[in-house]
PDB file of all heavy atoms in Angstrom:
ATOM      1  N   GLU A   1       0.808  -1.210   0.000  1.00  0.00           N
ATOM      2  CA  GLU A   1       0.000   0.000   0.000  1.00  0.00           C
ATOM      3  C   GLU A   1       0.847   1.268   0.000  1.00  0.00           C
ATOM      4  O   GLU A   1       0.432   2.305  -0.522  1.00  0.00           O
ATOM      5  CB  GLU A   1      -0.946   0.007   1.216  1.00  0.00           C
ATOM      6  CG  GLU A   1      -2.120  -0.964   1.118  1.00  0.00           C
ATOM      7  CD  GLU A   1      -1.686  -2.421   1.314  1.00  0.00           C
ATOM      8  OE1 GLU A   1      -0.608  -2.648   1.908  1.00  0.00           O
ATOM      9  OE2 GLU A   1      -2.424  -3.317   0.871  1.00  0.00           O
ATOM     10  N   ASN A   2       2.038   1.224   0.615  1.00  0.00           N
ATOM     11  CA  ASN A   2       2.834   2.447   0.647  1.00  0.00           C
ATOM     12  C   ASN A   2       3.993   2.448  -0.341  1.00  0.00           C
ATOM     13  O   ASN A   2       4.734   3.418  -0.429  1.00  0.00           O
ATOM     14  CB  ASN A   2       3.347   2.739   2.074  1.00  0.00           C
ATOM     15  CG  ASN A   2       4.303   1.659   2.578  1.00  0.00           C
ATOM     16  OD1 ASN A   2       5.234   1.248   1.886  1.00  0.00           O
ATOM     17  ND2 ASN A   2       4.085   1.205   3.802  1.00  0.00           N
ATOM     18  N   LEU A   3       4.143   1.369  -1.117  1.00  0.00           N
ATOM     19  CA  LEU A   3       5.225   1.290  -2.092  1.00  0.00           C
ATOM     20  C   LEU A   3       5.093   2.370  -3.164  1.00  0.00           C
ATOM     21  O   LEU A   3       6.011   3.157  -3.398  1.00  0.00           O
ATOM     22  CB  LEU A   3       5.245  -0.096  -2.741  1.00  0.00           C
ATOM     23  CG  LEU A   3       6.253  -0.303  -3.880  1.00  0.00           C
ATOM     24  CD1 LEU A   3       7.678  -0.166  -3.356  1.00  0.00           C
ATOM     25  CD2 LEU A   3       6.048  -1.672  -4.528  1.00  0.00           C
ATOM     26  N   LEU A   4       3.944   2.435  -3.822  1.00  0.00           N
ATOM     27  CA  LEU A   4       3.752   3.400  -4.898  1.00  0.00           C
ATOM     28  C   LEU A   4       3.786   4.845  -4.423  1.00  0.00           C
ATOM     29  O   LEU A   4       4.381   5.700  -5.079  1.00  0.00           O
ATOM     30  CB  LEU A   4       2.454   3.099  -5.653  1.00  0.00           C
ATOM     31  CG  LEU A   4       2.480   1.866  -6.558  1.00  0.00           C
ATOM     32  CD1 LEU A   4       1.137   1.689  -7.250  1.00  0.00           C
ATOM     33  CD2 LEU A   4       3.591   1.965  -7.594  1.00  0.00           C
ATOM     34  N   PRO A   5       3.172   5.177  -3.277  1.00  0.00           N
ATOM     35  CA  PRO A   5       3.286   6.557  -2.799  1.00  0.00           C
ATOM     36  C   PRO A   5       4.718   7.016  -2.597  1.00  0.00           C
ATOM     37  O   PRO A   5       5.052   8.176  -2.887  1.00  0.00           O
ATOM     38  CB  PRO A   5       2.511   6.538  -1.477  1.00  0.00           C
ATOM     39  CG  PRO A   5       1.496   5.463  -1.661  1.00  0.00           C
ATOM     40  CD  PRO A   5       2.191   4.418  -2.481  1.00  0.00           C
ATOM     41  N   TYR A   6       5.596   6.126  -2.123  1.00  0.00           N
ATOM     42  CA  TYR A   6       6.995   6.512  -1.968  1.00  0.00           C
ATOM     43  C   TYR A   6       7.605   6.888  -3.321  1.00  0.00           C
ATOM     44  O   TYR A   6       8.313   7.888  -3.437  1.00  0.00           O
ATOM     45  CB  TYR A   6       7.805   5.371  -1.336  1.00  0.00           C
ATOM     46  CG  TYR A   6       7.773   5.364   0.181  1.00  0.00           C
ATOM     47  CD1 TYR A   6       7.518   4.195   0.880  1.00  0.00           C
ATOM     48  CD2 TYR A   6       8.010   6.524   0.910  1.00  0.00           C
ATOM     49  CE1 TYR A   6       7.501   4.182   2.264  1.00  0.00           C
ATOM     50  CE2 TYR A   6       7.989   6.522   2.287  1.00  0.00           C
ATOM     51  CZ  TYR A   6       7.737   5.351   2.966  1.00  0.00           C
ATOM     52  OH  TYR A   6       7.717   5.332   4.337  1.00  0.00           O
ATOM     53  N   TYR A   7       7.350   6.071  -4.330  1.00  0.00           N
ATOM     54  CA  TYR A   7       7.889   6.381  -5.651  1.00  0.00           C
ATOM     55  C   TYR A   7       7.265   7.655  -6.215  1.00  0.00           C
ATOM     56  O   TYR A   7       7.963   8.510  -6.770  1.00  0.00           O
ATOM     57  CB  TYR A   7       7.654   5.212  -6.603  1.00  0.00           C
ATOM     58  CG  TYR A   7       8.686   4.118  -6.490  1.00  0.00           C
ATOM     59  CD1 TYR A   7       8.389   2.918  -5.876  1.00  0.00           C
ATOM     60  CD2 TYR A   7       9.974   4.303  -6.996  1.00  0.00           C
ATOM     61  CE1 TYR A   7       9.344   1.909  -5.762  1.00  0.00           C
ATOM     62  CE2 TYR A   7      10.929   3.309  -6.888  1.00  0.00           C
ATOM     63  CZ  TYR A   7      10.607   2.114  -6.271  1.00  0.00           C
ATOM     64  OH  TYR A   7      11.565   1.134  -6.159  1.00  0.00           O
ATOM     65  N   LYS A   8       5.950   7.802  -6.070  1.00  0.00           N
ATOM     66  CA  LYS A   8       5.268   8.959  -6.636  1.00  0.00           C
ATOM     67  C   LYS A   8       5.707  10.258  -5.972  1.00  0.00           C
ATOM     68  O   LYS A   8       5.917  11.270  -6.639  1.00  0.00           O
ATOM     69  CB  LYS A   8       3.751   8.794  -6.487  1.00  0.00           C
ATOM     70  CG  LYS A   8       3.148   7.730  -7.393  1.00  0.00           C
ATOM     71  CD  LYS A   8       1.644   7.625  -7.164  1.00  0.00           C
ATOM     72  CE  LYS A   8       1.012   6.583  -8.070  1.00  0.00           C
ATOM     73  NZ  LYS A   8      -0.444   6.449  -7.810  1.00  0.00           N
ATOM     74  N   ASN A   9       5.837  10.249  -4.653  1.00  0.00           N
ATOM     75  CA  ASN A   9       6.113  11.478  -3.925  1.00  0.00           C
ATOM     76  C   ASN A   9       7.610  11.740  -3.755  1.00  0.00           C
ATOM     77  O   ASN A   9       8.075  12.866  -3.914  1.00  0.00           O
ATOM     78  CB  ASN A   9       5.437  11.444  -2.554  1.00  0.00           C
ATOM     79  CG  ASN A   9       3.935  11.375  -2.670  1.00  0.00           C
ATOM     80  OD1 ASN A   9       3.345  11.917  -3.596  1.00  0.00           O
ATOM     81  ND2 ASN A   9       3.288  10.693  -1.736  1.00  0.00           N
ATOM     82  N   ASN A  10       8.372  10.698  -3.417  1.00  0.00           N
ATOM     83  CA  ASN A  10       9.782  10.911  -3.099  1.00  0.00           C
ATOM     84  C   ASN A  10      10.686  10.890  -4.318  1.00  0.00           C
ATOM     85  O   ASN A  10      11.781  11.439  -4.268  1.00  0.00           O
ATOM     86  CB  ASN A  10      10.262   9.855  -2.096  1.00  0.00           C
ATOM     87  CG  ASN A  10       9.548   9.946  -0.764  1.00  0.00           C
ATOM     88  OD1 ASN A  10       8.631  10.731  -0.604  1.00  0.00           O
ATOM     89  ND2 ASN A  10       9.965   9.153   0.199  1.00  0.00           N
ATOM     90  N   LEU A  11      10.240  10.256  -5.404  1.00  0.00           N
ATOM     91  CA  LEU A  11      11.070  10.183  -6.594  1.00  0.00           C
ATOM     92  C   LEU A  11      10.486  11.002  -7.740  1.00  0.00           C
ATOM     93  O   LEU A  11      11.158  11.870  -8.302  1.00  0.00           O
ATOM     94  CB  LEU A  11      11.268   8.730  -7.023  1.00  0.00           C
ATOM     95  CG  LEU A  11      12.290   8.504  -8.138  1.00  0.00           C
ATOM     96  CD1 LEU A  11      13.658   9.062  -7.765  1.00  0.00           C
ATOM     97  CD2 LEU A  11      12.393   7.014  -8.466  1.00  0.00           C
ATOM     98  N   VAL A  12       9.222  10.747  -8.083  1.00  0.00           N
ATOM     99  CA  VAL A  12       8.599  11.509  -9.175  1.00  0.00           C
ATOM    100  C   VAL A  12       8.546  12.993  -8.812  1.00  0.00           C
ATOM    101  O   VAL A  12       8.766  13.870  -9.662  1.00  0.00           O
ATOM    102  CB  VAL A  12       7.197  10.967  -9.486  1.00  0.00           C
ATOM    103  CG1 VAL A  12       6.502  11.845 -10.532  1.00  0.00           C
ATOM    104  CG2 VAL A  12       7.278   9.528  -9.975  1.00  0.00           C
ATOM    105  N   GLY A  13       8.292  13.289  -7.530  1.00  0.00           N
ATOM    106  CA  GLY A  13       8.274  14.678  -7.096  1.00  0.00           C
ATOM    107  C   GLY A  13       9.588  15.377  -7.372  1.00  0.00           C
ATOM    108  O   GLY A  13       9.619  16.517  -7.864  1.00  0.00           O
ATOM    109  N   VAL A  14      10.704  14.704  -7.091  1.00  0.00           N
ATOM    110  CA  VAL A  14      12.020  15.290  -7.352  1.00  0.00           C
ATOM    111  C   VAL A  14      12.245  15.456  -8.850  1.00  0.00           C
ATOM    112  O   VAL A  14      12.803  16.458  -9.304  1.00  0.00           O
ATOM    113  CB  VAL A  14      13.131  14.427  -6.722  1.00  0.00           C
ATOM    114  CG1 VAL A  14      14.513  14.943  -7.106  1.00  0.00           C
ATOM    115  CG2 VAL A  14      12.991  14.416  -5.207  1.00  0.00           C
ATOM    116  N   LEU A  15      11.814  14.478  -9.637  1.00  0.00           N
ATOM    117  CA  LEU A  15      11.951  14.569 -11.087  1.00  0.00           C
ATOM    118  C   LEU A  15      11.256  15.816 -11.620  1.00  0.00           C
ATOM    119  O   LEU A  15      11.804  16.545 -12.462  1.00  0.00           O
ATOM    120  CB  LEU A  15      11.373  13.313 -11.738  1.00  0.00           C
ATOM    121  CG  LEU A  15      11.330  13.305 -13.265  1.00  0.00           C
ATOM    122  CD1 LEU A  15      12.724  13.414 -13.855  1.00  0.00           C
ATOM    123  CD2 LEU A  15      10.622  12.039 -13.775  1.00  0.00           C
ATOM    124  N   LYS A  16      10.051  16.090 -11.132  1.00  0.00           N
ATOM    125  CA  LYS A  16       9.304  17.258 -11.603  1.00  0.00           C
ATOM    126  C   LYS A  16       9.958  18.564 -11.151  1.00  0.00           C
ATOM    127  O   LYS A  16       9.954  19.564 -11.885  1.00  0.00           O
ATOM    128  CB  LYS A  16       7.856  17.182 -11.119  1.00  0.00           C
ATOM    129  CG  LYS A  16       7.088  15.987 -11.675  1.00  0.00           C
ATOM    130  CD  LYS A  16       7.097  15.986 -13.203  1.00  0.00           C
ATOM    131  CE  LYS A  16       6.376  14.787 -13.784  1.00  0.00           C
ATOM    132  NZ  LYS A  16       6.435  14.757 -15.268  1.00  0.00           N
ATOM    133  N   VAL A  17      10.538  18.548  -9.957  1.00  0.00           N
ATOM    134  CA  VAL A  17      11.267  19.732  -9.496  1.00  0.00           C
ATOM    135  C   VAL A  17      12.479  19.980 -10.386  1.00  0.00           C
ATOM    136  O   VAL A  17      12.759  21.118 -10.792  1.00  0.00           O
ATOM    137  CB  VAL A  17      11.693  19.564  -8.025  1.00  0.00           C
ATOM    138  CG1 VAL A  17      12.659  20.681  -7.614  1.00  0.00           C
ATOM    139  CG2 VAL A  17      10.474  19.574  -7.106  1.00  0.00           C
ATOM    140  N   VAL A  18      13.203  18.918 -10.711  1.00  0.00           N
ATOM    141  CA  VAL A  18      14.386  19.040 -11.571  1.00  0.00           C
ATOM    142  C   VAL A  18      14.004  19.586 -12.939  1.00  0.00           C
ATOM    143  O   VAL A  18      14.699  20.455 -13.492  1.00  0.00           O
ATOM    144  CB  VAL A  18      15.092  17.674 -11.697  1.00  0.00           C
ATOM    145  CG1 VAL A  18      16.095  17.685 -12.843  1.00  0.00           C
ATOM    146  CG2 VAL A  18      15.797  17.322 -10.390  1.00  0.00           C
ATOM    147  N   GLU A  19      12.912  19.101 -13.502  1.00  0.00           N
ATOM    148  CA  GLU A  19      12.459  19.602 -14.795  1.00  0.00           C
ATOM    149  C   GLU A  19      12.167  21.098 -14.730  1.00  0.00           C
ATOM    150  O   GLU A  19      12.497  21.855 -15.655  1.00  0.00           O
ATOM    151  CB  GLU A  19      11.213  18.836 -15.245  1.00  0.00           C
ATOM    152  CG  GLU A  19      11.498  17.394 -15.640  1.00  0.00           C
ATOM    153  CD  GLU A  19      10.232  16.632 -16.013  1.00  0.00           C
ATOM    154  OE1 GLU A  19       9.129  17.119 -15.679  1.00  0.00           O
ATOM    155  OE2 GLU A  19      10.352  15.557 -16.615  1.00  0.00           O
ATOM    156  N   ALA A  20      11.563  21.530 -13.607  1.00  0.00           N
ATOM    157  CA  ALA A  20      11.257  22.954 -13.449  1.00  0.00           C
ATOM    158  C   ALA A  20      12.532  23.776 -13.275  1.00  0.00           C
ATOM    159  O   ALA A  20      12.640  24.886 -13.812  1.00  0.00           O
ATOM    160  CB  ALA A  20      10.326  23.156 -12.252  1.00  0.00           C
ATOM    161  N   LEU A  21      13.499  23.240 -12.543  1.00  0.00           N
ATOM    162  CA  LEU A  21      14.770  23.937 -12.379  1.00  0.00           C
ATOM    163  C   LEU A  21      15.413  24.202 -13.736  1.00  0.00           C
ATOM    164  O   LEU A  21      15.901  25.313 -14.016  1.00  0.00           O
ATOM    165  CB  LEU A  21      15.722  23.111 -11.514  1.00  0.00           C
ATOM    166  CG  LEU A  21      15.382  22.934 -10.033  1.00  0.00           C
ATOM    167  CD1 LEU A  21      16.367  21.966  -9.382  1.00  0.00           C
ATOM    168  CD2 LEU A  21      15.386  24.252  -9.293  1.00  0.00           C
ATOM    169  N   ASN A  22      15.414  23.197 -14.575  1.00  0.00           N
ATOM    170  CA  ASN A  22      16.017  23.344 -15.898  1.00  0.00           C
ATOM    171  C   ASN A  22      15.209  24.307 -16.772  1.00  0.00           C
ATOM    172  O   ASN A  22      15.778  25.185 -17.429  1.00  0.00           O
ATOM    173  CB  ASN A  22      16.112  21.982 -16.575  1.00  0.00           C
ATOM    174  CG  ASN A  22      16.782  22.044 -17.925  1.00  0.00           C
ATOM    175  OD1 ASN A  22      17.853  22.642 -18.077  1.00  0.00           O
ATOM    176  ND2 ASN A  22      16.175  21.427 -18.930  1.00  0.00           N
ATOM    177  N   LYS A  23      13.902  24.165 -16.745  1.00  0.00           N
ATOM    178  CA  LYS A  23      13.040  25.001 -17.587  1.00  0.00           C
ATOM    179  C   LYS A  23      13.184  26.476 -17.248  1.00  0.00           C
ATOM    180  O   LYS A  23      13.254  27.329 -18.143  1.00  0.00           O
ATOM    181  CB  LYS A  23      11.583  24.558 -17.437  1.00  0.00           C
ATOM    182  CG  LYS A  23      10.596  25.371 -18.263  1.00  0.00           C
ATOM    183  CD  LYS A  23       9.173  24.829 -18.102  1.00  0.00           C
ATOM    184  CE  LYS A  23       8.178  25.638 -18.923  1.00  0.00           C
ATOM    185  NZ  LYS A  23       6.793  25.098 -18.785  1.00  0.00           N
ATOM    186  N   TYR A  24      13.232  26.781 -15.954  1.00  0.00           N
ATOM    187  CA  TYR A  24      13.251  28.179 -15.523  1.00  0.00           C
ATOM    188  C   TYR A  24      14.637  28.653 -15.093  1.00  0.00           C
ATOM    189  O   TYR A  24      14.771  29.720 -14.494  1.00  0.00           O
ATOM    190  CB  TYR A  24      12.229  28.383 -14.395  1.00  0.00           C
ATOM    191  CG  TYR A  24      10.811  28.270 -14.902  1.00  0.00           C
ATOM    192  CD1 TYR A  24      10.086  27.084 -14.743  1.00  0.00           C
ATOM    193  CD2 TYR A  24      10.210  29.324 -15.577  1.00  0.00           C
ATOM    194  CE1 TYR A  24       8.790  26.975 -15.225  1.00  0.00           C
ATOM    195  CE2 TYR A  24       8.913  29.224 -16.053  1.00  0.00           C
ATOM    196  CZ  TYR A  24       8.211  28.045 -15.883  1.00  0.00           C
ATOM    197  OH  TYR A  24       6.930  27.934 -16.372  1.00  0.00           O
ATOM    198  N   GLN A  25      15.661  27.858 -15.418  1.00  0.00           N
ATOM    199  CA  GLN A  25      17.059  28.244 -15.174  1.00  0.00           C
ATOM    200  C   GLN A  25      17.309  28.630 -13.708  1.00  0.00           C
ATOM    201  O   GLN A  25      17.955  29.633 -13.410  1.00  0.00           O
ATOM    202  CB  GLN A  25      17.459  29.375 -16.102  1.00  0.00           C
ATOM    203  CG  GLN A  25      17.538  28.960 -17.569  1.00  0.00           C
ATOM    204  CD  GLN A  25      18.629  27.896 -17.794  1.00  0.00           C
ATOM    205  OE1 GLN A  25      19.811  28.176 -17.697  1.00  0.00           O
ATOM    206  NE2 GLN A  25      18.200  26.664 -18.072  1.00  0.00           N
ATOM    207  N   ILE A  26      16.769  27.814 -12.815  1.00  0.00           N
ATOM    208  CA  ILE A  26      17.034  27.964 -11.379  1.00  0.00           C
ATOM    209  C   ILE A  26      18.227  27.075 -11.056  1.00  0.00           C
ATOM    210  O   ILE A  26      18.190  25.866 -11.289  1.00  0.00           O
ATOM    211  CB  ILE A  26      15.803  27.558 -10.544  1.00  0.00           C
ATOM    212  CG1 ILE A  26      14.596  28.402 -10.943  1.00  0.00           C
ATOM    213  CG2 ILE A  26      16.101  27.702  -9.052  1.00  0.00           C
ATOM    214  CD1 ILE A  26      13.278  27.893 -10.392  1.00  0.00           C
ATOM    215  N   LYS A  27      19.280  27.641 -10.511  1.00  0.00           N
ATOM    216  CA  LYS A  27      20.567  26.940 -10.446  1.00  0.00           C
ATOM    217  C   LYS A  27      20.948  26.419  -9.060  1.00  0.00           C
ATOM    218  O   LYS A  27      22.073  25.943  -8.885  1.00  0.00           O
ATOM    219  CB  LYS A  27      21.679  27.866 -10.945  1.00  0.00           C
ATOM    220  CG  LYS A  27      21.569  28.206 -12.427  1.00  0.00           C
ATOM    221  CD  LYS A  27      21.676  26.950 -13.290  1.00  0.00           C
ATOM    222  CE  LYS A  27      21.675  27.271 -14.770  1.00  0.00           C
ATOM    223  NZ  LYS A  27      21.794  26.047 -15.603  1.00  0.00           N
ATOM    224  N   ASN A  28      20.032  26.496  -8.080  1.00  0.00           N
ATOM    225  CA  ASN A  28      20.405  26.093  -6.725  1.00  0.00           C
ATOM    226  C   ASN A  28      19.278  25.312  -6.061  1.00  0.00           C
ATOM    227  O   ASN A  28      18.141  25.792  -6.005  1.00  0.00           O
ATOM    228  CB  ASN A  28      20.723  27.329  -5.872  1.00  0.00           C
ATOM    229  CG  ASN A  28      21.794  28.206  -6.491  1.00  0.00           C
ATOM    230  OD1 ASN A  28      22.972  27.879  -6.462  1.00  0.00           O
ATOM    231  ND2 ASN A  28      21.371  29.331  -7.084  1.00  0.00           N
ATOM    232  N   ILE A  29      19.602  24.121  -5.539  1.00  0.00           N
ATOM    233  CA  ILE A  29      18.620  23.331  -4.806  1.00  0.00           C
ATOM    234  C   ILE A  29      19.276  22.644  -3.615  1.00  0.00           C
ATOM    235  O   ILE A  29      20.364  22.079  -3.724  1.00  0.00           O
ATOM    236  CB  ILE A  29      17.924  22.286  -5.707  1.00  0.00           C
ATOM    237  CG1 ILE A  29      16.885  21.492  -4.884  1.00  0.00           C
ATOM    238  CG2 ILE A  29      18.918  21.361  -6.389  1.00  0.00           C
ATOM    239  CD1 ILE A  29      15.970  20.613  -5.726  1.00  0.00           C
TER     240      ILE A  29
END
């Protein structure tokens, strides 16, 4: 039950943040 939420929130969430960093040229995290 908690396997997918970990991937969705802890991994996919970071992926989407990284995409936004690149798109908007934010250079620090």
